[in-house]
Amino acid sequence: MSNLPTYRPTDLPTYQPTNQPTNKPTNPP
């Protein structure tokens, strides 16, 4: 199971819940 270098939650700079201005409950479209 530790043989999945393609799936690393710690190495996913493209997916940041803190960096999603499009998905903000405080700023709805």
Protein backbone atom coordinates (compact mmCIF):
# COMPACT_ATOMS: atom_id res chain seq x y z
CA MET A 1 0.00 0.00 0.00
CA SER A 2 3.01 2.19 0.48
CA ASN A 3 3.79 1.67 -3.18
CA LEU A 4 1.59 4.52 -4.39
CA PRO A 5 3.86 7.47 -5.12
CA THR A 6 1.34 8.73 -7.64
CA TYR A 7 -1.18 9.45 -4.92
CA ARG A 8 0.21 11.65 -2.17
CA PRO A 9 -2.12 13.97 -0.25
CA THR A 10 0.96 15.75 1.04
CA ASP A 11 2.31 16.23 -2.47
CA LEU A 12 -0.79 17.71 -4.06
CA PRO A 13 -0.21 21.45 -4.48
CA THR A 14 -2.83 21.46 -7.21
CA TYR A 15 -5.53 20.56 -4.73
CA GLN A 16 -5.67 22.99 -1.85
CA PRO A 17 -8.94 23.51 0.05
CA THR A 18 -7.40 26.63 1.54
CA ASN A 19 -6.57 27.99 -1.88
CA GLN A 20 -10.00 27.70 -3.47
CA PRO A 21 -11.62 31.14 -3.83
CA THR A 22 -14.14 29.58 -6.18
CA ASN A 23 -15.39 27.29 -3.45
CA LYS A 24 -15.90 29.68 -0.57
CA PRO A 25 -19.09 29.62 1.52
CA THR A 26 -18.37 33.23 2.46
CA ASN A 27 -18.21 34.28 -1.17
CA PRO A 28 -21.02 32.51 -3.05
CA PRO A 29 -21.47 33.19 -6.77
